[in-house]
Amino acid sequence: MRKGLIERTTHETKIEVELNLDGAGQYDIETGIGFLDHMLEQLSRHSLIDLRVKAVGDTHIDFHHTTEDCALAIGEAFSAALGERRGITRYGAALAPMDETLTRVVLDISGRPYLVWKVSFLRDKLGEMDTELFKEWFQAFAQAGGVTLHVENFYGENNHHIAESAYKALARALRQGIEIDPRKRDDVPSTKGVLGGSL
């Protein structure tokens, strides 16, 4: 089993993340931010990555630190579970429709973090959560997870649907990228022989 466990403590947040890449999409999420919980539940369910997140943060200020640090911790656990990334398919792509909305995520689990974010929201908030924080979450996850990540919303009117379709598309793309290729189970999927950094 490919598992990662991260405990991240700062003056702003205390976060525990445990994940299993070879899971069944089971989750136990408590971030103190209802909408973020809902998105992480979607991420787990549709990627089949078992995910446990327990977070306590300075939400009396705003949701920024908790949102970003949850993504950093999840990304760190993800990268730890991958190890040398041997045998993985590496690339993933998914389109996720949700009613009137369509979002695409294309990714490379390359060890080289990068985010292309082409998502716009029509409102500043979803419930109590600032919609600008979704980019922060995807940026932090890409950075800590070592993922080149392209997220593009083609169209949509409902802001809930736009956010949720992005997480669902990420989940399905990750599900592809982390899959073990039985033909190359012991190989790093790169002509360089390693993944990560500037190599």
N, C-alpha and C. Protein backbone atom coordinates (compact mmCIF):
# COMPACT_ATOMS: atom_id res chain seq x y z
N MET A 1 0.84 -1.20 0.00
CA MET A 1 0.00 0.00 0.00
C MET A 1 0.88 1.26 0.00
N ARG A 2 0.52 2.23 -0.83
CA ARG A 2 1.25 3.49 -0.90
C ARG A 2 0.54 4.49 0.00
N LYS A 3 1.16 4.76 1.15
CA LYS A 3 0.52 5.60 2.17
C LYS A 3 1.42 6.77 2.53
N GLY A 4 0.78 7.87 2.95
CA GLY A 4 1.50 9.04 3.43
C GLY A 4 0.85 9.57 4.68
N LEU A 5 1.67 10.02 5.62
CA LEU A 5 1.18 10.58 6.88
C LEU A 5 1.98 11.85 7.17
N ILE A 6 1.28 12.95 7.32
CA ILE A 6 1.93 14.24 7.55
C ILE A 6 1.26 14.93 8.73
N GLU A 7 2.06 15.47 9.63
CA GLU A 7 1.57 16.35 10.69
C GLU A 7 2.26 17.70 10.50
N ARG A 8 1.46 18.72 10.30
CA ARG A 8 1.99 20.05 10.01
C ARG A 8 1.47 21.02 11.07
N THR A 9 2.39 21.64 11.80
CA THR A 9 2.01 22.57 12.86
C THR A 9 2.74 23.89 12.66
N THR A 10 1.98 24.97 12.63
CA THR A 10 2.54 26.32 12.57
C THR A 10 1.83 27.16 13.63
N HIS A 11 2.17 28.44 13.68
CA HIS A 11 1.47 29.35 14.59
C HIS A 11 0.04 29.62 14.13
N GLU A 12 -0.27 29.21 12.90
CA GLU A 12 -1.59 29.51 12.31
C GLU A 12 -2.50 28.29 12.22
N THR A 13 -1.90 27.10 12.06
CA THR A 13 -2.70 25.89 11.87
C THR A 13 -2.03 24.68 12.48
N LYS A 14 -2.85 23.69 12.78
CA LYS A 14 -2.36 22.37 13.15
C LYS A 14 -3.14 21.36 12.33
N ILE A 15 -2.43 20.59 11.51
CA ILE A 15 -3.10 19.74 10.52
C ILE A 15 -2.48 18.35 10.53
N GLU A 16 -3.34 17.35 10.50
CA GLU A 16 -2.92 15.96 10.33
C GLU A 16 -3.57 15.42 9.07
N VAL A 17 -2.77 14.81 8.22
CA VAL A 17 -3.26 14.20 6.98
C VAL A 17 -2.74 12.78 6.87
N GLU A 18 -3.62 11.88 6.56
CA GLU A 18 -3.24 10.50 6.28
C GLU A 18 -3.95 10.09 5.00
N LEU A 19 -3.21 9.53 4.06
CA LEU A 19 -3.84 9.09 2.81
C LEU A 19 -3.27 7.77 2.34
N ASN A 20 -4.07 7.10 1.55
CA ASN A 20 -3.71 5.82 0.96
C ASN A 20 -4.07 5.88 -0.52
N LEU A 21 -3.05 5.89 -1.37
CA LEU A 21 -3.29 6.00 -2.81
C LEU A 21 -4.01 4.78 -3.37
N ASP A 22 -3.90 3.65 -2.69
CA ASP A 22 -4.51 2.41 -3.17
C ASP A 22 -5.77 2.09 -2.37
N GLY A 23 -6.53 3.11 -2.09
CA GLY A 23 -7.71 2.96 -1.26
C GLY A 23 -8.99 2.73 -2.05
N ALA A 24 -10.10 3.11 -1.42
CA ALA A 24 -11.42 2.91 -2.01
C ALA A 24 -12.25 4.18 -1.98
N GLY A 25 -11.59 5.32 -1.75
CA GLY A 25 -12.31 6.59 -1.71
C GLY A 25 -13.03 6.82 -0.40
N GLN A 26 -12.50 6.29 0.69
CA GLN A 26 -13.08 6.53 2.01
C GLN A 26 -12.45 7.77 2.61
N TYR A 27 -13.24 8.54 3.33
CA TYR A 27 -12.74 9.82 3.83
C TYR A 27 -13.27 10.13 5.23
N ASP A 28 -12.48 10.95 5.93
CA ASP A 28 -12.84 11.47 7.24
C ASP A 28 -12.23 12.87 7.29
N ILE A 29 -13.03 13.88 7.01
CA ILE A 29 -12.54 15.24 6.80
C ILE A 29 -13.14 16.19 7.82
N GLU A 30 -12.28 16.92 8.53
CA GLU A 30 -12.72 17.98 9.45
C GLU A 30 -11.71 19.11 9.39
N THR A 31 -12.04 20.14 8.60
CA THR A 31 -11.13 21.29 8.48
C THR A 31 -11.64 22.52 9.22
N GLY A 32 -12.89 22.48 9.66
CA GLY A 32 -13.50 23.67 10.23
C GLY A 32 -14.11 24.59 9.19
N ILE A 33 -13.98 24.20 7.91
CA ILE A 33 -14.53 24.99 6.80
C ILE A 33 -15.46 24.05 6.03
N GLY A 34 -16.73 24.25 6.15
CA GLY A 34 -17.70 23.32 5.60
C GLY A 34 -17.54 23.07 4.11
N PHE A 35 -17.38 24.13 3.34
CA PHE A 35 -17.29 23.94 1.89
C PHE A 35 -16.00 23.22 1.50
N LEU A 36 -14.91 23.52 2.20
CA LEU A 36 -13.65 22.83 1.92
C LEU A 36 -13.78 21.34 2.25
N ASP A 37 -14.45 21.02 3.36
CA ASP A 37 -14.71 19.61 3.68
C ASP A 37 -15.42 18.92 2.52
N HIS A 38 -16.43 19.58 1.99
CA HIS A 38 -17.22 19.02 0.88
C HIS A 38 -16.35 18.76 -0.34
N MET A 39 -15.44 19.69 -0.66
CA MET A 39 -14.56 19.52 -1.82
C MET A 39 -13.57 18.38 -1.60
N LEU A 40 -13.02 18.27 -0.40
CA LEU A 40 -12.06 17.20 -0.13
C LEU A 40 -12.72 15.84 -0.10
N GLU A 41 -13.98 15.81 0.31
CA GLU A 41 -14.74 14.56 0.22
C GLU A 41 -14.91 14.13 -1.23
N GLN A 42 -15.19 15.09 -2.11
CA GLN A 42 -15.30 14.79 -3.54
C GLN A 42 -13.96 14.29 -4.10
N LEU A 43 -12.88 14.94 -3.68
CA LEU A 43 -11.54 14.56 -4.13
C LEU A 43 -11.24 13.11 -3.77
N SER A 44 -11.55 12.74 -2.55
CA SER A 44 -11.31 11.37 -2.10
C SER A 44 -12.20 10.38 -2.84
N ARG A 45 -13.48 10.65 -2.85
CA ARG A 45 -14.44 9.69 -3.42
C ARG A 45 -14.14 9.38 -4.88
N HIS A 46 -13.82 10.41 -5.67
CA HIS A 46 -13.69 10.21 -7.11
C HIS A 46 -12.27 9.83 -7.55
N SER A 47 -11.29 10.00 -6.66
CA SER A 47 -9.93 9.54 -6.96
C SER A 47 -9.67 8.14 -6.44
N LEU A 48 -10.53 7.67 -5.53
CA LEU A 48 -10.35 6.42 -4.80
C LEU A 48 -9.16 6.46 -3.84
N ILE A 49 -8.70 7.67 -3.52
CA ILE A 49 -7.66 7.86 -2.51
C ILE A 49 -8.34 7.98 -1.15
N ASP A 50 -8.01 7.09 -0.23
CA ASP A 50 -8.52 7.23 1.13
C ASP A 50 -7.85 8.46 1.75
N LEU A 51 -8.65 9.29 2.42
CA LEU A 51 -8.13 10.56 2.90
C LEU A 51 -8.71 10.90 4.27
N ARG A 52 -7.80 11.14 5.20
CA ARG A 52 -8.21 11.63 6.52
C ARG A 52 -7.52 12.97 6.74
N VAL A 53 -8.30 14.01 7.05
CA VAL A 53 -7.76 15.33 7.30
C VAL A 53 -8.39 15.88 8.57
N LYS A 54 -7.56 16.25 9.54
CA LYS A 54 -8.01 16.91 10.75
C LYS A 54 -7.25 18.23 10.86
N ALA A 55 -7.97 19.32 10.85
CA ALA A 55 -7.32 20.62 10.85
C ALA A 55 -7.96 21.55 11.87
N VAL A 56 -7.11 22.29 12.56
CA VAL A 56 -7.54 23.38 13.44
C VAL A 56 -6.74 24.59 13.02
N GLY A 57 -7.44 25.66 12.65
CA GLY A 57 -6.74 26.84 12.16
C GLY A 57 -7.34 28.13 12.69
N ASP A 58 -6.72 29.23 12.31
CA ASP A 58 -7.15 30.56 12.78
C ASP A 58 -8.30 31.08 11.91
N THR A 59 -9.37 30.31 11.87
CA THR A 59 -10.52 30.68 11.04
C THR A 59 -11.25 31.90 11.59
N HIS A 60 -10.92 32.33 12.81
CA HIS A 60 -11.51 33.57 13.34
C HIS A 60 -10.95 34.78 12.58
N ILE A 61 -9.80 34.59 11.91
CA ILE A 61 -9.24 35.66 11.07
C ILE A 61 -9.87 35.57 9.69
N ASP A 62 -9.58 34.47 9.00
CA ASP A 62 -10.25 34.12 7.74
C ASP A 62 -9.89 32.68 7.44
N PHE A 63 -10.22 32.21 6.24
CA PHE A 63 -10.01 30.80 5.91
C PHE A 63 -8.73 30.55 5.12
N HIS A 64 -7.94 31.60 4.89
CA HIS A 64 -6.79 31.47 4.00
C HIS A 64 -5.76 30.48 4.52
N HIS A 65 -5.31 30.65 5.74
CA HIS A 65 -4.23 29.80 6.26
C HIS A 65 -4.65 28.34 6.31
N THR A 66 -5.87 28.09 6.76
CA THR A 66 -6.33 26.70 6.88
C THR A 66 -6.46 26.06 5.51
N THR A 67 -7.02 26.79 4.56
CA THR A 67 -7.18 26.26 3.20
C THR A 67 -5.82 25.93 2.58
N GLU A 68 -4.91 26.87 2.64
CA GLU A 68 -3.59 26.67 2.03
C GLU A 68 -2.81 25.57 2.73
N ASP A 69 -2.81 25.56 4.05
CA ASP A 69 -2.02 24.58 4.79
C ASP A 69 -2.59 23.18 4.66
N CYS A 70 -3.90 23.05 4.53
CA CYS A 70 -4.48 21.73 4.25
C CYS A 70 -3.97 21.20 2.92
N ALA A 71 -3.93 22.07 1.91
CA ALA A 71 -3.44 21.65 0.60
C ALA A 71 -1.97 21.28 0.64
N LEU A 72 -1.17 22.06 1.38
CA LEU A 72 0.25 21.74 1.51
C LEU A 72 0.44 20.38 2.18
N ALA A 73 -0.31 20.12 3.25
CA ALA A 73 -0.18 18.86 3.97
C ALA A 73 -0.65 17.68 3.12
N ILE A 74 -1.75 17.86 2.39
CA ILE A 74 -2.23 16.80 1.50
C ILE A 74 -1.20 16.54 0.40
N GLY A 75 -0.65 17.61 -0.16
CA GLY A 75 0.37 17.45 -1.20
C GLY A 75 1.61 16.75 -0.68
N GLU A 76 2.05 17.09 0.53
CA GLU A 76 3.22 16.45 1.12
C GLU A 76 2.96 14.96 1.35
N ALA A 77 1.77 14.63 1.85
CA ALA A 77 1.42 13.23 2.08
C ALA A 77 1.34 12.47 0.76
N PHE A 78 0.78 13.13 -0.25
CA PHE A 78 0.68 12.54 -1.59
C PHE A 78 2.06 12.22 -2.14
N SER A 79 2.98 13.17 -2.04
CA SER A 79 4.33 12.97 -2.55
C SER A 79 5.05 11.88 -1.78
N ALA A 80 4.86 11.86 -0.47
CA ALA A 80 5.50 10.82 0.35
C ALA A 80 4.99 9.43 -0.02
N ALA A 81 3.69 9.33 -0.28
CA ALA A 81 3.11 8.04 -0.65
C ALA A 81 3.63 7.56 -2.00
N LEU A 82 3.92 8.48 -2.90
CA LEU A 82 4.43 8.11 -4.22
C LEU A 82 5.88 7.64 -4.18
N GLY A 83 6.64 8.12 -3.21
CA GLY A 83 8.05 7.74 -3.13
C GLY A 83 8.81 8.16 -4.38
N GLU A 84 9.51 7.24 -5.02
CA GLU A 84 10.27 7.54 -6.23
C GLU A 84 9.37 7.62 -7.47
N ARG A 85 8.09 7.37 -7.28
CA ARG A 85 7.10 7.44 -8.36
C ARG A 85 7.30 6.32 -9.39
N ARG A 86 7.87 5.23 -8.95
CA ARG A 86 8.09 4.10 -9.84
C ARG A 86 6.76 3.47 -10.25
N GLY A 87 6.67 3.15 -11.54
CA GLY A 87 5.53 2.40 -12.04
C GLY A 87 4.28 3.19 -12.32
N ILE A 88 4.24 4.45 -11.92
CA ILE A 88 3.00 5.21 -12.12
C ILE A 88 2.79 5.56 -13.58
N THR A 89 1.53 5.72 -13.95
CA THR A 89 1.19 6.14 -15.31
C THR A 89 1.70 7.56 -15.55
N ARG A 90 1.72 8.37 -14.51
CA ARG A 90 2.28 9.72 -14.46
C ARG A 90 1.33 10.79 -14.98
N TYR A 91 0.75 10.61 -16.15
CA TYR A 91 -0.13 11.63 -16.73
C TYR A 91 -1.59 11.29 -16.48
N GLY A 92 -2.41 12.33 -16.35
CA GLY A 92 -3.84 12.12 -16.21
C GLY A 92 -4.59 13.30 -16.79
N ALA A 93 -5.79 13.04 -17.28
CA ALA A 93 -6.64 14.09 -17.83
C ALA A 93 -8.09 13.71 -17.61
N ALA A 94 -8.90 14.70 -17.26
CA ALA A 94 -10.31 14.41 -17.02
C ALA A 94 -11.15 15.65 -17.29
N LEU A 95 -12.32 15.39 -17.83
CA LEU A 95 -13.36 16.40 -17.98
C LEU A 95 -14.46 16.07 -16.98
N ALA A 96 -14.91 17.07 -16.23
CA ALA A 96 -15.96 16.85 -15.25
C ALA A 96 -17.12 17.82 -15.51
N PRO A 97 -18.23 17.32 -16.03
CA PRO A 97 -19.41 18.16 -16.15
C PRO A 97 -20.19 18.16 -14.84
N MET A 98 -20.83 19.27 -14.55
CA MET A 98 -21.76 19.33 -13.43
C MET A 98 -22.88 20.28 -13.83
N ASP A 99 -23.98 19.69 -14.25
CA ASP A 99 -25.10 20.47 -14.79
C ASP A 99 -24.61 21.37 -15.92
N GLU A 100 -24.67 22.69 -15.73
CA GLU A 100 -24.33 23.62 -16.82
C GLU A 100 -22.83 23.89 -16.93
N THR A 101 -22.04 23.27 -16.07
CA THR A 101 -20.61 23.58 -15.94
C THR A 101 -19.75 22.46 -16.51
N LEU A 102 -18.61 22.85 -17.10
CA LEU A 102 -17.65 21.86 -17.59
C LEU A 102 -16.24 22.34 -17.27
N THR A 103 -15.47 21.49 -16.61
CA THR A 103 -14.10 21.82 -16.22
C THR A 103 -13.17 20.68 -16.63
N ARG A 104 -11.97 21.05 -17.05
CA ARG A 104 -10.95 20.08 -17.44
C ARG A 104 -9.72 20.22 -16.55
N VAL A 105 -9.17 19.09 -16.13
CA VAL A 105 -7.88 19.06 -15.44
C VAL A 105 -6.96 18.11 -16.20
N VAL A 106 -5.78 18.60 -16.51
CA VAL A 106 -4.72 17.80 -17.12
C VAL A 106 -3.50 17.92 -16.22
N LEU A 107 -2.85 16.79 -15.92
CA LEU A 107 -1.75 16.86 -14.97
C LEU A 107 -0.62 15.90 -15.33
N ASP A 108 0.54 16.23 -14.78
CA ASP A 108 1.75 15.43 -14.91
C ASP A 108 2.34 15.31 -13.52
N ILE A 109 2.40 14.10 -12.98
CA ILE A 109 2.95 13.89 -11.64
C ILE A 109 4.46 13.78 -11.80
N SER A 110 5.04 14.90 -12.13
CA SER A 110 6.42 14.98 -12.63
C SER A 110 7.44 15.25 -11.54
N GLY A 111 6.99 15.68 -10.37
CA GLY A 111 7.91 16.18 -9.36
C GLY A 111 8.24 17.65 -9.56
N ARG A 112 7.76 18.23 -10.64
CA ARG A 112 7.98 19.65 -10.93
C ARG A 112 6.66 20.40 -10.79
N PRO A 113 6.51 21.15 -9.72
CA PRO A 113 5.24 21.83 -9.47
C PRO A 113 5.00 23.01 -10.40
N TYR A 114 3.78 23.09 -10.91
CA TYR A 114 3.39 24.23 -11.73
C TYR A 114 1.87 24.24 -11.80
N LEU A 115 1.29 25.42 -11.74
CA LEU A 115 -0.16 25.55 -11.86
C LEU A 115 -0.51 26.52 -12.97
N VAL A 116 -1.37 26.08 -13.88
CA VAL A 116 -2.05 26.95 -14.82
C VAL A 116 -3.51 26.95 -14.41
N TRP A 117 -4.04 28.12 -14.07
CA TRP A 117 -5.38 28.25 -13.48
C TRP A 117 -6.21 29.15 -14.38
N LYS A 118 -7.16 28.57 -15.08
CA LYS A 118 -8.06 29.34 -15.94
C LYS A 118 -9.49 29.11 -15.46
N VAL A 119 -9.75 29.61 -14.27
CA VAL A 119 -11.05 29.45 -13.63
C VAL A 119 -11.46 30.81 -13.09
N SER A 120 -12.67 31.23 -13.42
CA SER A 120 -13.20 32.49 -12.92
C SER A 120 -14.52 32.22 -12.20
N PHE A 121 -14.72 32.95 -11.13
CA PHE A 121 -15.96 32.85 -10.37
C PHE A 121 -16.76 34.13 -10.53
N LEU A 122 -18.07 34.01 -10.40
CA LEU A 122 -18.98 35.13 -10.59
C LEU A 122 -19.33 35.80 -9.28
N ARG A 123 -18.91 35.18 -8.17
CA ARG A 123 -19.16 35.74 -6.85
C ARG A 123 -17.87 35.68 -6.04
N ASP A 124 -17.76 36.54 -5.04
CA ASP A 124 -16.57 36.57 -4.19
C ASP A 124 -16.58 35.48 -3.14
N LYS A 125 -17.76 34.97 -2.80
CA LYS A 125 -17.86 33.98 -1.73
C LYS A 125 -18.80 32.84 -2.10
N LEU A 126 -18.50 31.67 -1.56
CA LEU A 126 -19.42 30.53 -1.56
C LEU A 126 -19.67 30.21 -0.10
N GLY A 127 -20.86 30.49 0.38
CA GLY A 127 -21.08 30.43 1.81
C GLY A 127 -20.18 31.45 2.48
N GLU A 128 -19.32 30.98 3.39
CA GLU A 128 -18.39 31.89 4.06
C GLU A 128 -16.99 31.82 3.45
N MET A 129 -16.82 31.02 2.41
CA MET A 129 -15.49 30.81 1.83
C MET A 129 -15.25 31.74 0.65
N ASP A 130 -14.12 32.44 0.66
CA ASP A 130 -13.74 33.30 -0.46
C ASP A 130 -13.39 32.43 -1.66
N THR A 131 -13.98 32.75 -2.80
CA THR A 131 -13.72 31.93 -3.98
C THR A 131 -12.27 32.05 -4.46
N GLU A 132 -11.58 33.12 -4.12
CA GLU A 132 -10.17 33.25 -4.51
C GLU A 132 -9.30 32.19 -3.84
N LEU A 133 -9.80 31.57 -2.78
CA LEU A 133 -9.02 30.57 -2.05
C LEU A 133 -8.90 29.25 -2.81
N PHE A 134 -9.75 29.01 -3.79
CA PHE A 134 -9.64 27.77 -4.55
C PHE A 134 -8.34 27.73 -5.34
N LYS A 135 -7.96 28.85 -5.94
CA LYS A 135 -6.67 28.90 -6.63
C LYS A 135 -5.54 28.65 -5.64
N GLU A 136 -5.64 29.23 -4.44
CA GLU A 136 -4.61 29.03 -3.43
C GLU A 136 -4.48 27.55 -3.07
N TRP A 137 -5.62 26.85 -2.97
CA TRP A 137 -5.58 25.43 -2.64
C TRP A 137 -4.88 24.63 -3.74
N PHE A 138 -5.27 24.85 -4.99
CA PHE A 138 -4.68 24.11 -6.09
C PHE A 138 -3.19 24.44 -6.24
N GLN A 139 -2.83 25.70 -6.02
CA GLN A 139 -1.41 26.09 -6.09
C GLN A 139 -0.60 25.38 -5.03
N ALA A 140 -1.10 25.36 -3.80
CA ALA A 140 -0.37 24.74 -2.70
C ALA A 140 -0.27 23.23 -2.89
N PHE A 141 -1.34 22.60 -3.36
CA PHE A 141 -1.30 21.16 -3.60
C PHE A 141 -0.28 20.82 -4.69
N ALA A 142 -0.29 21.58 -5.78
CA ALA A 142 0.67 21.35 -6.86
C ALA A 142 2.10 21.51 -6.36
N GLN A 143 2.33 22.55 -5.57
CA GLN A 143 3.67 22.84 -5.06
C GLN A 143 4.18 21.71 -4.17
N ALA A 144 3.38 21.33 -3.17
CA ALA A 144 3.83 20.32 -2.21
C ALA A 144 3.80 18.92 -2.79
N GLY A 145 2.88 18.68 -3.73
CA GLY A 145 2.76 17.35 -4.32
C GLY A 145 3.67 17.09 -5.48
N GLY A 146 4.31 18.13 -6.00
CA GLY A 146 5.18 17.95 -7.16
C GLY A 146 4.41 17.60 -8.41
N VAL A 147 3.34 18.36 -8.65
CA VAL A 147 2.45 18.08 -9.77
C VAL A 147 2.37 19.28 -10.70
N THR A 148 2.56 19.06 -11.98
CA THR A 148 2.23 20.07 -12.99
C THR A 148 0.74 19.95 -13.25
N LEU A 149 0.02 21.05 -13.04
CA LEU A 149 -1.43 20.99 -12.96
C LEU A 149 -2.05 22.10 -13.80
N HIS A 150 -2.88 21.71 -14.75
CA HIS A 150 -3.61 22.67 -15.59
C HIS A 150 -5.10 22.51 -15.31
N VAL A 151 -5.73 23.59 -14.90
CA VAL A 151 -7.15 23.56 -14.55
C VAL A 151 -7.86 24.62 -15.38
N GLU A 152 -8.86 24.20 -16.15
CA GLU A 152 -9.55 25.14 -17.03
C GLU A 152 -11.06 24.89 -16.97
N ASN A 153 -11.78 25.93 -16.58
CA ASN A 153 -13.23 25.88 -16.61
C ASN A 153 -13.69 26.46 -17.95
N PHE A 154 -14.39 25.65 -18.74
CA PHE A 154 -14.84 26.09 -20.06
C PHE A 154 -16.04 27.01 -19.97
N TYR A 155 -16.99 26.63 -19.10
CA TYR A 155 -18.18 27.45 -18.91
C TYR A 155 -18.91 26.99 -17.66
N GLY A 156 -19.76 27.87 -17.16
CA GLY A 156 -20.54 27.57 -15.97
C GLY A 156 -21.15 28.84 -15.42
N GLU A 157 -22.25 28.70 -14.74
CA GLU A 157 -22.95 29.84 -14.14
C GLU A 157 -23.03 29.74 -12.62
N ASN A 158 -23.09 28.52 -12.11
CA ASN A 158 -23.25 28.30 -10.69
C ASN A 158 -21.86 28.13 -10.07
N ASN A 159 -21.52 28.99 -9.12
CA ASN A 159 -20.18 28.98 -8.55
C ASN A 159 -19.87 27.69 -7.77
N HIS A 160 -20.87 27.13 -7.14
CA HIS A 160 -20.70 25.84 -6.45
C HIS A 160 -20.31 24.77 -7.48
N HIS A 161 -21.00 24.76 -8.60
CA HIS A 161 -20.71 23.77 -9.64
C HIS A 161 -19.30 23.96 -10.23
N ILE A 162 -18.89 25.21 -10.39
CA ILE A 162 -17.56 25.49 -10.95
C ILE A 162 -16.48 24.94 -10.03
N ALA A 163 -16.59 25.22 -8.74
CA ALA A 163 -15.59 24.73 -7.79
C ALA A 163 -15.62 23.21 -7.71
N GLU A 164 -16.81 22.64 -7.59
CA GLU A 164 -16.91 21.20 -7.41
C GLU A 164 -16.44 20.44 -8.65
N SER A 165 -16.72 20.97 -9.82
CA SER A 165 -16.27 20.28 -11.03
C SER A 165 -14.75 20.30 -11.13
N ALA A 166 -14.11 21.35 -10.61
CA ALA A 166 -12.64 21.40 -10.62
C ALA A 166 -12.05 20.31 -9.72
N TYR A 167 -12.63 20.13 -8.54
CA TYR A 167 -12.13 19.10 -7.64
C TYR A 167 -12.42 17.69 -8.18
N LYS A 168 -13.58 17.52 -8.79
CA LYS A 168 -13.90 16.21 -9.35
C LYS A 168 -13.01 15.87 -10.54
N ALA A 169 -12.72 16.86 -11.36
CA ALA A 169 -11.82 16.63 -12.49
C ALA A 169 -10.41 16.33 -12.00
N LEU A 170 -9.97 17.04 -10.96
CA LEU A 170 -8.67 16.73 -10.37
C LEU A 170 -8.64 15.30 -9.86
N ALA A 171 -9.70 14.90 -9.18
CA ALA A 171 -9.76 13.55 -8.63
C ALA A 171 -9.63 12.49 -9.72
N ARG A 172 -10.37 12.66 -10.79
CA ARG A 172 -10.34 11.66 -11.86
C ARG A 172 -9.00 11.66 -12.59
N ALA A 173 -8.39 12.83 -12.74
CA ALA A 173 -7.08 12.88 -13.38
C ALA A 173 -6.01 12.25 -12.48
N LEU A 174 -6.09 12.49 -11.18
CA LEU A 174 -5.15 11.86 -10.26
C LEU A 174 -5.31 10.35 -10.27
N ARG A 175 -6.53 9.91 -10.34
CA ARG A 175 -6.80 8.46 -10.38
C ARG A 175 -6.06 7.81 -11.55
N GLN A 176 -6.02 8.49 -12.69
CA GLN A 176 -5.27 7.98 -13.84
C GLN A 176 -3.77 8.04 -13.59
N GLY A 177 -3.31 9.19 -13.11
CA GLY A 177 -1.88 9.42 -13.00
C GLY A 177 -1.17 8.55 -11.99
N ILE A 178 -1.85 8.17 -10.92
CA ILE A 178 -1.20 7.36 -9.88
C ILE A 178 -1.32 5.87 -10.14
N GLU A 179 -2.10 5.50 -11.16
CA GLU A 179 -2.29 4.09 -11.48
C GLU A 179 -0.95 3.44 -11.83
N ILE A 180 -0.72 2.24 -11.32
CA ILE A 180 0.50 1.51 -11.64
C ILE A 180 0.34 0.85 -13.01
N ASP A 181 1.30 1.10 -13.89
CA ASP A 181 1.34 0.48 -15.21
C ASP A 181 1.99 -0.89 -15.06
N PRO A 182 1.26 -1.97 -15.26
CA PRO A 182 1.83 -3.30 -15.04
C PRO A 182 2.99 -3.63 -15.97
N ARG A 183 3.11 -2.91 -17.08
CA ARG A 183 4.22 -3.16 -18.01
C ARG A 183 5.51 -2.50 -17.55
N LYS A 184 5.39 -1.49 -16.68
CA LYS A 184 6.57 -0.74 -16.23
C LYS A 184 6.53 -0.55 -14.72
N ARG A 185 6.13 -1.60 -14.01
CA ARG A 185 5.88 -1.51 -12.57
C ARG A 185 7.09 -1.02 -11.78
N ASP A 186 8.30 -1.37 -12.19
CA ASP A 186 9.50 -1.04 -11.42
C ASP A 186 10.28 0.14 -11.99
N ASP A 187 9.76 0.75 -13.04
CA ASP A 187 10.50 1.82 -13.70
C ASP A 187 9.93 3.20 -13.34
N VAL A 188 10.82 4.18 -13.25
CA VAL A 188 10.40 5.58 -13.15
C VAL A 188 10.01 6.04 -14.55
N PRO A 189 8.82 6.60 -14.72
CA PRO A 189 8.35 6.95 -16.06
C PRO A 189 8.98 8.23 -16.60
N SER A 190 10.28 8.17 -16.82
CA SER A 190 11.01 9.30 -17.39
C SER A 190 12.28 8.77 -18.04
N THR A 191 12.65 9.34 -19.18
CA THR A 191 13.90 8.94 -19.81
C THR A 191 15.11 9.36 -18.98
N LYS A 192 14.90 10.29 -18.03
CA LYS A 192 15.99 10.72 -17.14
C LYS A 192 16.26 9.70 -16.05
N GLY A 193 15.27 8.84 -15.78
CA GLY A 193 15.43 7.87 -14.72
C GLY A 193 15.01 8.36 -13.35
N VAL A 194 14.69 9.65 -13.25
CA VAL A 194 14.19 10.23 -12.00
C VAL A 194 13.10 11.24 -12.34
N LEU A 195 12.26 11.51 -11.37
CA LEU A 195 11.26 12.56 -11.50
C LEU A 195 11.46 13.57 -10.38
N GLY A 196 11.44 14.84 -10.74
CA GLY A 196 11.52 15.87 -9.72
C GLY A 196 12.60 16.88 -10.00
N GLY A 197 12.46 18.03 -9.35
CA GLY A 197 13.45 19.09 -9.48
C GLY A 197 13.58 19.57 -10.90
N SER A 198 14.77 19.95 -11.27
CA SER A 198 15.03 20.45 -12.62
C SER A 198 15.72 19.41 -13.48
N LEU A 199 15.72 18.13 -13.02
CA LEU A 199 16.41 17.07 -13.75
C LEU A 199 15.68 16.69 -15.01
